[in-house]
Amino acid sequence: MKFVKMQGAGNDYVYVDCFNQTVNDPVTVAQRVSDRHFNGVRCVAKYVYDHGIAVKSCLTVETQSGVLTLELFTDGNDRVDQVRVDMGQPRLCRDEIPMLGDGQSQALNIPLEVEDRTFIVSCLSMGNPHCVVFVDDVDSFPVHYWGPLIENHPQFPRRINVEFVQVISTTEVRQRTWERGAGETLACGTGASAVTVAAFLAGHTQRIITNHLVGGDLQMEYHESGALYMTGPAVEVFSGELPESKL
């Protein structure tokens, strides 16, 4: 099985060309080969363009969160190095997150009691649920302690992704991400989108910001129309081939 390993803002992925080869039982293969949480739509765009599967600089990709539109930016060798993704619009009502309480109400800048501490949080959905928590110093914050407690809080019947965010200025934030079922990850595109919305609505930032994640930077735009755009890197690390005996 031929494959390519890629990374975007520190999160790495394995891509397999199923146009030109057959992979029997891809679910089992994925579980054996990978132990990662997958969120690599920018790398999908780079893969299909750089490998000649797609030839246009604008693509649509169907995901579990909906159909996304991607704009590709290439270097001097016509290889994709940055991808701008239309992340869609945030969903702010509790029943769309989902979250307990009045289903049509919003959960922005509300108190959330966790053990003996009260956090002020903003919760929303980007096709998956997010809880944004602003902290003074994100580097020293005990993400591995509070992350799972908030993820599994009774307020969130399907659990929730948690973003811990430090505001640097009106145009910059720093983010650490606790993803449900995966723990702390180096980057999360939907999480960065949720942070962009929450920070703007709380009056912390402008509509266009740089989000510094552990794995790298993402450029975020939150338009007055409600549309969200994310621009970030997509990098091919290496390619290889796995023998049948390893699948």
C-alpha atoms as a PDB file:
ATOM      1  CA  MET A   1       0.000   0.000   0.000  1.00  0.00           C
ATOM      2  CA  LYS A   2       1.580   3.245  -1.152  1.00  0.00           C
ATOM      3  CA  PHE A   3       1.051   6.248   1.103  1.00  0.00           C
ATOM      4  CA  VAL A   4       2.143   9.822   1.792  1.00  0.00           C
ATOM      5  CA  LYS A   5       2.638  11.278   5.267  1.00  0.00           C
ATOM      6  CA  MET A   6       1.744  14.975   5.625  1.00  0.00           C
ATOM      7  CA  GLN A   7       1.383  17.543   8.389  1.00  0.00           C
ATOM      8  CA  GLY A   8      -0.546  20.757   8.914  1.00  0.00           C
ATOM      9  CA  ALA A   9       0.333  22.985  11.893  1.00  0.00           C
ATOM     10  CA  GLY A  10       1.980  20.031  13.609  1.00  0.00           C
ATOM     11  CA  ASN A  11      -0.833  17.482  13.254  1.00  0.00           C
ATOM     12  CA  ASP A  12       0.292  14.631  11.009  1.00  0.00           C
ATOM     13  CA  TYR A  13      -1.693  12.329   8.735  1.00  0.00           C
ATOM     14  CA  VAL A  14      -1.272   9.371   6.389  1.00  0.00           C
ATOM     15  CA  TYR A  15      -2.936   9.646   2.964  1.00  0.00           C
ATOM     16  CA  VAL A  16      -3.591   6.726   0.628  1.00  0.00           C
ATOM     17  CA  ASP A  17      -4.464   7.124  -3.064  1.00  0.00           C
ATOM     18  CA  CYS A  18      -7.507   4.890  -3.517  1.00  0.00           C
ATOM     19  CA  PHE A  19      -7.978   6.100  -7.089  1.00  0.00           C
ATOM     20  CA  ASN A  20      -5.025   4.015  -8.273  1.00  0.00           C
ATOM     21  CA  GLN A  21      -4.875   1.181  -5.748  1.00  0.00           C
ATOM     22  CA  THR A  22      -7.335  -0.958  -3.811  1.00  0.00           C
ATOM     23  CA  VAL A  23      -7.275  -1.075  -0.022  1.00  0.00           C
ATOM     24  CA  ASN A  24      -9.258  -3.921   1.496  1.00  0.00           C
ATOM     25  CA  ASP A  25     -10.978  -3.063   4.789  1.00  0.00           C
ATOM     26  CA  PRO A  26      -9.716   0.546   5.046  1.00  0.00           C
ATOM     27  CA  VAL A  27     -11.155   0.978   8.559  1.00  0.00           C
ATOM     28  CA  THR A  28      -8.979  -1.802   9.951  1.00  0.00           C
ATOM     29  CA  VAL A  29      -5.941  -0.537   8.044  1.00  0.00           C
ATOM     30  CA  ALA A  30      -6.420   2.968   9.451  1.00  0.00           C
ATOM     31  CA  GLN A  31      -6.633   1.641  13.006  1.00  0.00           C
ATOM     32  CA  ARG A  32      -3.451  -0.388  12.592  1.00  0.00           C
ATOM     33  CA  VAL A  33      -1.402   2.297  10.880  1.00  0.00           C
ATOM     34  CA  SER A  34      -2.504   5.358  12.813  1.00  0.00           C
ATOM     35  CA  ASP A  35      -3.107   6.422  16.405  1.00  0.00           C
ATOM     36  CA  ARG A  36      -4.013  10.006  15.546  1.00  0.00           C
ATOM     37  CA  HIS A  37      -7.139  12.145  15.635  1.00  0.00           C
ATOM     38  CA  PHE A  38      -7.740  13.174  12.015  1.00  0.00           C
ATOM     39  CA  ASN A  39      -8.418  16.778  11.048  1.00  0.00           C
ATOM     40  CA  GLY A  40      -6.389  17.293   7.861  1.00  0.00           C
ATOM     41  CA  VAL A  41      -8.577  18.901   5.216  1.00  0.00           C
ATOM     42  CA  ARG A  42      -5.790  21.298   4.182  1.00  0.00           C
ATOM     43  CA  CYS A  43      -3.498  18.343   3.557  1.00  0.00           C
ATOM     44  CA  VAL A  44      -6.234  16.642   1.527  1.00  0.00           C
ATOM     45  CA  ALA A  45      -6.233  19.671  -0.769  1.00  0.00           C
ATOM     46  CA  LYS A  46      -2.448  19.606  -1.104  1.00  0.00           C
ATOM     47  CA  TYR A  47      -2.423  15.878  -1.774  1.00  0.00           C
ATOM     48  CA  VAL A  48      -4.982  15.862  -4.580  1.00  0.00           C
ATOM     49  CA  TYR A  49      -3.437  18.945  -6.259  1.00  0.00           C
ATOM     50  CA  ASP A  50       0.227  17.979  -5.955  1.00  0.00           C
ATOM     51  CA  HIS A  51      -0.516  14.444  -7.171  1.00  0.00           C
ATOM     52  CA  GLY A  52      -2.533  15.561 -10.188  1.00  0.00           C
ATOM     53  CA  ILE A  53      -5.893  14.259  -8.970  1.00  0.00           C
ATOM     54  CA  ALA A  54      -7.257  17.825  -9.013  1.00  0.00           C
ATOM     55  CA  VAL A  55      -6.047  20.642 -11.262  1.00  0.00           C
ATOM     56  CA  LYS A  56      -8.053  23.638 -10.044  1.00  0.00           C
ATOM     57  CA  SER A  57      -6.991  26.011  -7.270  1.00  0.00           C
ATOM     58  CA  CYS A  58     -10.464  25.905  -5.718  1.00  0.00           C
ATOM     59  CA  LEU A  59     -11.860  22.619  -4.399  1.00  0.00           C
ATOM     60  CA  THR A  60     -14.853  21.356  -2.461  1.00  0.00           C
ATOM     61  CA  VAL A  61     -14.420  18.547   0.064  1.00  0.00           C
ATOM     62  CA  GLU A  62     -17.250  16.647   1.720  1.00  0.00           C
ATOM     63  CA  THR A  63     -16.706  16.099   5.460  1.00  0.00           C
ATOM     64  CA  GLN A  64     -18.821  14.949   8.409  1.00  0.00           C
ATOM     65  CA  SER A  65     -19.229  18.645   9.276  1.00  0.00           C
ATOM     66  CA  GLY A  66     -20.493  19.502   5.789  1.00  0.00           C
ATOM     67  CA  VAL A  67     -19.058  20.462   2.406  1.00  0.00           C
ATOM     68  CA  LEU A  68     -16.027  22.752   2.708  1.00  0.00           C
ATOM     69  CA  THR A  69     -14.635  25.076   0.027  1.00  0.00           C
ATOM     70  CA  LEU A  70     -10.841  25.305  -0.175  1.00  0.00           C
ATOM     71  CA  GLU A  71      -8.618  27.819  -1.955  1.00  0.00           C
ATOM     72  CA  LEU A  72      -5.093  26.631  -2.753  1.00  0.00           C
ATOM     73  CA  PHE A  73      -1.935  28.779  -2.803  1.00  0.00           C
ATOM     74  CA  THR A  74       1.162  27.404  -4.524  1.00  0.00           C
ATOM     75  CA  ASP A  75       4.885  28.103  -4.375  1.00  0.00           C
ATOM     76  CA  GLY A  76       7.270  28.716  -7.294  1.00  0.00           C
ATOM     77  CA  ASN A  77       7.250  25.010  -8.130  1.00  0.00           C
ATOM     78  CA  ASP A  78       3.436  24.858  -8.368  1.00  0.00           C
ATOM     79  CA  ARG A  79       3.233  22.903  -5.123  1.00  0.00           C
ATOM     80  CA  VAL A  80       0.600  23.795  -2.558  1.00  0.00           C
ATOM     81  CA  ASP A  81       2.045  25.376   0.588  1.00  0.00           C
ATOM     82  CA  GLN A  82      -0.966  27.216   2.050  1.00  0.00           C
ATOM     83  CA  VAL A  83      -4.682  26.442   1.970  1.00  0.00           C
ATOM     84  CA  ARG A  84      -7.588  28.749   2.824  1.00  0.00           C
ATOM     85  CA  VAL A  85     -10.656  26.908   4.067  1.00  0.00           C
ATOM     86  CA  ASP A  86     -14.210  28.219   4.236  1.00  0.00           C
ATOM     87  CA  MET A  87     -15.175  26.825   7.637  1.00  0.00           C
ATOM     88  CA  GLY A  88     -18.838  27.785   7.327  1.00  0.00           C
ATOM     89  CA  GLN A  89     -20.768  29.641   9.997  1.00  0.00           C
ATOM     90  CA  PRO A  90     -20.733  29.004  13.735  1.00  0.00           C
ATOM     91  CA  ARG A  91     -23.808  27.559  15.401  1.00  0.00           C
ATOM     92  CA  LEU A  92     -24.481  29.321  18.668  1.00  0.00           C
ATOM     93  CA  CYS A  93     -27.706  27.792  20.003  1.00  0.00           C
ATOM     94  CA  ARG A  94     -27.423  25.219  22.774  1.00  0.00           C
ATOM     95  CA  ASP A  95     -29.380  22.552  20.911  1.00  0.00           C
ATOM     96  CA  GLU A  96     -26.908  22.783  18.011  1.00  0.00           C
ATOM     97  CA  ILE A  97     -23.839  22.250  20.234  1.00  0.00           C
ATOM     98  CA  PRO A  98     -25.467  20.242  22.014  1.00  0.00           C
ATOM     99  CA  MET A  99     -25.640  21.578  25.570  1.00  0.00           C
ATOM    100  CA  LEU A 100     -28.212  21.385  28.337  1.00  0.00           C
ATOM    101  CA  GLY A 101     -30.581  24.291  28.954  1.00  0.00           C
ATOM    102  CA  ASP A 102     -32.929  26.305  26.759  1.00  0.00           C
ATOM    103  CA  GLY A 103     -32.207  24.917  23.308  1.00  0.00           C
ATOM    104  CA  GLN A 104     -32.619  28.256  21.521  1.00  0.00           C
ATOM    105  CA  SER A 105     -30.467  30.243  23.952  1.00  0.00           C
ATOM    106  CA  GLN A 106     -26.766  30.939  23.479  1.00  0.00           C
ATOM    107  CA  ALA A 107     -23.947  29.976  25.834  1.00  0.00           C
ATOM    108  CA  LEU A 108     -21.536  32.899  25.458  1.00  0.00           C
ATOM    109  CA  ASN A 109     -19.566  34.219  28.446  1.00  0.00           C
ATOM    110  CA  ILE A 110     -21.425  32.055  30.922  1.00  0.00           C
ATOM    111  CA  PRO A 111     -20.200  30.509  34.201  1.00  0.00           C
ATOM    112  CA  LEU A 112     -19.363  26.800  34.227  1.00  0.00           C
ATOM    113  CA  GLU A 113     -18.715  25.189  37.604  1.00  0.00           C
ATOM    114  CA  VAL A 114     -16.075  22.474  37.529  1.00  0.00           C
ATOM    115  CA  GLU A 115     -15.180  20.962  40.881  1.00  0.00           C
ATOM    116  CA  ASP A 116     -14.401  23.941  43.151  1.00  0.00           C
ATOM    117  CA  ARG A 117     -13.700  26.388  40.312  1.00  0.00           C
ATOM    118  CA  THR A 118     -15.946  28.548  38.140  1.00  0.00           C
ATOM    119  CA  PHE A 119     -14.825  29.187  34.560  1.00  0.00           C
ATOM    120  CA  ILE A 120     -16.317  31.794  32.241  1.00  0.00           C
ATOM    121  CA  VAL A 121     -16.794  29.924  28.968  1.00  0.00           C
ATOM    122  CA  SER A 122     -18.249  30.353  25.501  1.00  0.00           C
ATOM    123  CA  CYS A 123     -19.707  27.280  23.817  1.00  0.00           C
ATOM    124  CA  LEU A 124     -20.571  26.839  20.143  1.00  0.00           C
ATOM    125  CA  SER A 125     -20.507  24.351  17.307  1.00  0.00           C
ATOM    126  CA  MET A 126     -18.444  24.328  14.126  1.00  0.00           C
ATOM    127  CA  GLY A 127     -20.067  21.067  13.070  1.00  0.00           C
ATOM    128  CA  ASN A 128     -18.527  19.646  16.247  1.00  0.00           C
ATOM    129  CA  PRO A 129     -18.864  21.065  19.787  1.00  0.00           C
ATOM    130  CA  HIS A 130     -16.390  23.492  21.371  1.00  0.00           C
ATOM    131  CA  CYS A 131     -15.994  25.139  24.757  1.00  0.00           C
ATOM    132  CA  VAL A 132     -13.628  28.146  24.774  1.00  0.00           C
ATOM    133  CA  VAL A 133     -11.946  29.109  28.048  1.00  0.00           C
ATOM    134  CA  PHE A 134      -9.844  32.287  28.323  1.00  0.00           C
ATOM    135  CA  VAL A 135      -6.868  32.074  30.709  1.00  0.00           C
ATOM    136  CA  ASP A 136      -4.078  34.432  31.752  1.00  0.00           C
ATOM    137  CA  ASP A 137      -1.125  32.180  30.872  1.00  0.00           C
ATOM    138  CA  VAL A 138      -1.902  29.300  28.550  1.00  0.00           C
ATOM    139  CA  ASP A 139       1.599  27.783  28.772  1.00  0.00           C
ATOM    140  CA  SER A 140       1.416  27.187  32.514  1.00  0.00           C
ATOM    141  CA  PHE A 141      -2.282  26.342  32.624  1.00  0.00           C
ATOM    142  CA  PRO A 142      -2.938  22.693  33.695  1.00  0.00           C
ATOM    143  CA  VAL A 143      -4.699  21.653  30.490  1.00  0.00           C
ATOM    144  CA  HIS A 144      -4.307  17.946  31.232  1.00  0.00           C
ATOM    145  CA  TYR A 145      -6.176  18.345  34.518  1.00  0.00           C
ATOM    146  CA  TRP A 146      -9.032  20.641  33.537  1.00  0.00           C
ATOM    147  CA  GLY A 147      -9.373  19.475  29.922  1.00  0.00           C
ATOM    148  CA  PRO A 148     -10.949  16.067  30.609  1.00  0.00           C
ATOM    149  CA  LEU A 149     -13.116  17.472  33.405  1.00  0.00           C
ATOM    150  CA  ILE A 150     -14.681  20.036  31.070  1.00  0.00           C
ATOM    151  CA  GLU A 151     -14.829  17.562  28.163  1.00  0.00           C
ATOM    152  CA  ASN A 152     -16.945  15.195  30.253  1.00  0.00           C
ATOM    153  CA  HIS A 153     -18.973  17.832  32.124  1.00  0.00           C
ATOM    154  CA  PRO A 154     -22.678  16.894  32.541  1.00  0.00           C
ATOM    155  CA  GLN A 155     -23.652  20.053  30.627  1.00  0.00           C
ATOM    156  CA  PHE A 156     -22.388  18.410  27.424  1.00  0.00           C
ATOM    157  CA  PRO A 157     -24.311  15.196  26.651  1.00  0.00           C
ATOM    158  CA  ARG A 158     -21.966  14.257  23.778  1.00  0.00           C
ATOM    159  CA  ARG A 159     -18.840  15.592  25.474  1.00  0.00           C
ATOM    160  CA  ILE A 160     -17.010  18.594  24.054  1.00  0.00           C
ATOM    161  CA  ASN A 161     -13.691  19.852  22.680  1.00  0.00           C
ATOM    162  CA  VAL A 162     -12.040  22.429  24.927  1.00  0.00           C
ATOM    163  CA  GLU A 163      -9.848  25.354  23.838  1.00  0.00           C
ATOM    164  CA  PHE A 164      -7.754  27.187  26.434  1.00  0.00           C
ATOM    165  CA  VAL A 165      -6.859  30.617  25.085  1.00  0.00           C
ATOM    166  CA  GLN A 166      -4.592  33.495  26.063  1.00  0.00           C
ATOM    167  CA  VAL A 167      -5.271  36.844  24.388  1.00  0.00           C
ATOM    168  CA  ILE A 168      -1.994  38.486  23.309  1.00  0.00           C
ATOM    169  CA  SER A 169      -3.508  41.515  21.583  1.00  0.00           C
ATOM    170  CA  THR A 170      -6.576  42.437  19.559  1.00  0.00           C
ATOM    171  CA  THR A 171      -5.017  40.601  16.592  1.00  0.00           C
ATOM    172  CA  GLU A 172      -3.273  37.641  18.268  1.00  0.00           C
ATOM    173  CA  VAL A 173      -4.175  34.749  20.546  1.00  0.00           C
ATOM    174  CA  ARG A 174      -2.433  31.614  21.769  1.00  0.00           C
ATOM    175  CA  GLN A 175      -4.352  28.358  21.974  1.00  0.00           C
ATOM    176  CA  ARG A 176      -3.982  24.932  23.514  1.00  0.00           C
ATOM    177  CA  THR A 177      -6.533  22.318  22.537  1.00  0.00           C
ATOM    178  CA  TRP A 178      -8.050  19.406  24.434  1.00  0.00           C
ATOM    179  CA  GLU A 179      -9.944  17.285  21.906  1.00  0.00           C
ATOM    180  CA  ARG A 180     -12.658  14.917  23.055  1.00  0.00           C
ATOM    181  CA  GLY A 181     -11.465  11.354  22.875  1.00  0.00           C
ATOM    182  CA  ALA A 182      -7.936  12.381  21.843  1.00  0.00           C
ATOM    183  CA  GLY A 183      -6.479  14.544  24.619  1.00  0.00           C
ATOM    184  CA  GLU A 184      -4.214  17.508  23.933  1.00  0.00           C
ATOM    185  CA  THR A 185      -3.372  17.966  20.254  1.00  0.00           C
ATOM    186  CA  LEU A 186      -0.991  20.314  18.467  1.00  0.00           C
ATOM    187  CA  ALA A 187      -3.671  22.046  16.407  1.00  0.00           C
ATOM    188  CA  CYS A 188      -7.385  22.015  15.635  1.00  0.00           C
ATOM    189  CA  GLY A 189      -8.936  23.949  12.763  1.00  0.00           C
ATOM    190  CA  THR A 190     -12.510  23.889  14.030  1.00  0.00           C
ATOM    191  CA  GLY A 191     -11.198  24.788  17.478  1.00  0.00           C
ATOM    192  CA  ALA A 192      -9.310  27.775  16.090  1.00  0.00           C
ATOM    193  CA  SER A 193     -12.522  28.821  14.355  1.00  0.00           C
ATOM    194  CA  ALA A 194     -14.494  28.585  17.597  1.00  0.00           C
ATOM    195  CA  VAL A 195     -11.829  30.645  19.364  1.00  0.00           C
ATOM    196  CA  THR A 196     -12.000  33.331  16.669  1.00  0.00           C
ATOM    197  CA  VAL A 197     -15.755  33.687  17.131  1.00  0.00           C
ATOM    198  CA  ALA A 198     -15.681  33.571  20.929  1.00  0.00           C
ATOM    199  CA  ALA A 199     -12.825  36.077  21.202  1.00  0.00           C
ATOM    200  CA  PHE A 200     -14.514  38.561  18.880  1.00  0.00           C
ATOM    201  CA  LEU A 201     -17.943  38.274  20.497  1.00  0.00           C
ATOM    202  CA  ALA A 202     -16.351  38.754  23.928  1.00  0.00           C
ATOM    203  CA  GLY A 203     -14.671  41.950  22.717  1.00  0.00           C
ATOM    204  CA  HIS A 204     -11.145  40.579  23.086  1.00  0.00           C
ATOM    205  CA  THR A 205     -10.084  40.682  19.432  1.00  0.00           C
ATOM    206  CA  GLN A 206     -10.815  41.995  15.976  1.00  0.00           C
ATOM    207  CA  ARG A 207     -12.325  39.891  13.191  1.00  0.00           C
ATOM    208  CA  ILE A 208      -8.958  39.008  11.612  1.00  0.00           C
ATOM    209  CA  ILE A 209      -6.420  37.390  13.929  1.00  0.00           C
ATOM    210  CA  THR A 210      -3.370  35.156  14.056  1.00  0.00           C
ATOM    211  CA  ASN A 211      -3.867  32.097  16.222  1.00  0.00           C
ATOM    212  CA  HIS A 212      -0.621  30.683  17.621  1.00  0.00           C
ATOM    213  CA  LEU A 213      -1.160  26.979  18.263  1.00  0.00           C
ATOM    214  CA  VAL A 214       1.389  24.538  19.639  1.00  0.00           C
ATOM    215  CA  GLY A 215       1.970  23.115  16.143  1.00  0.00           C
ATOM    216  CA  GLY A 216       2.076  26.397  14.217  1.00  0.00           C
ATOM    217  CA  ASP A 217       0.124  29.488  13.231  1.00  0.00           C
ATOM    218  CA  LEU A 218      -3.269  29.811  11.570  1.00  0.00           C
ATOM    219  CA  GLN A 219      -4.646  32.989  10.017  1.00  0.00           C
ATOM    220  CA  MET A 220      -8.310  33.395  10.908  1.00  0.00           C
ATOM    221  CA  GLU A 221     -11.039  35.648   9.478  1.00  0.00           C
ATOM    222  CA  TYR A 222     -14.551  36.115  10.888  1.00  0.00           C
ATOM    223  CA  HIS A 223     -16.610  38.095   8.391  1.00  0.00           C
ATOM    224  CA  GLU A 224     -19.629  40.257   9.181  1.00  0.00           C
ATOM    225  CA  SER A 225     -21.707  37.810   7.145  1.00  0.00           C
ATOM    226  CA  GLY A 226     -20.893  35.159   9.746  1.00  0.00           C
ATOM    227  CA  ALA A 227     -18.536  33.235   7.458  1.00  0.00           C
ATOM    228  CA  LEU A 228     -15.257  31.949   8.892  1.00  0.00           C
ATOM    229  CA  TYR A 229     -12.038  31.389   6.956  1.00  0.00           C
ATOM    230  CA  MET A 230      -8.880  29.608   8.049  1.00  0.00           C
ATOM    231  CA  THR A 231      -5.548  29.809   6.208  1.00  0.00           C
ATOM    232  CA  GLY A 232      -2.681  27.547   7.184  1.00  0.00           C
ATOM    233  CA  PRO A 233       0.191  25.362   6.000  1.00  0.00           C
ATOM    234  CA  ALA A 234       0.110  21.942   4.376  1.00  0.00           C
ATOM    235  CA  VAL A 235       3.428  20.079   4.193  1.00  0.00           C
ATOM    236  CA  GLU A 236       4.409  16.712   2.731  1.00  0.00           C
ATOM    237  CA  VAL A 237       6.777  14.933   5.120  1.00  0.00           C
ATOM    238  CA  PHE A 238       7.590  11.733   3.208  1.00  0.00           C
ATOM    239  CA  SER A 239       6.086   8.964   1.096  1.00  0.00           C
ATOM    240  CA  GLY A 240       6.484   5.220   1.411  1.00  0.00           C
ATOM    241  CA  GLU A 241       4.975   1.796   0.904  1.00  0.00           C
ATOM    242  CA  LEU A 242       3.695  -0.720   3.467  1.00  0.00           C
ATOM    243  CA  PRO A 243       3.907  -4.444   2.675  1.00  0.00           C
ATOM    244  CA  GLU A 244       0.718  -6.511   2.747  1.00  0.00           C
ATOM    245  CA  SER A 245       1.946  -8.301   5.883  1.00  0.00           C
ATOM    246  CA  LYS A 246       1.738  -5.044   7.857  1.00  0.00           C
ATOM    247  CA  LEU A 247      -1.868  -4.248   6.891  1.00  0.00           C
END
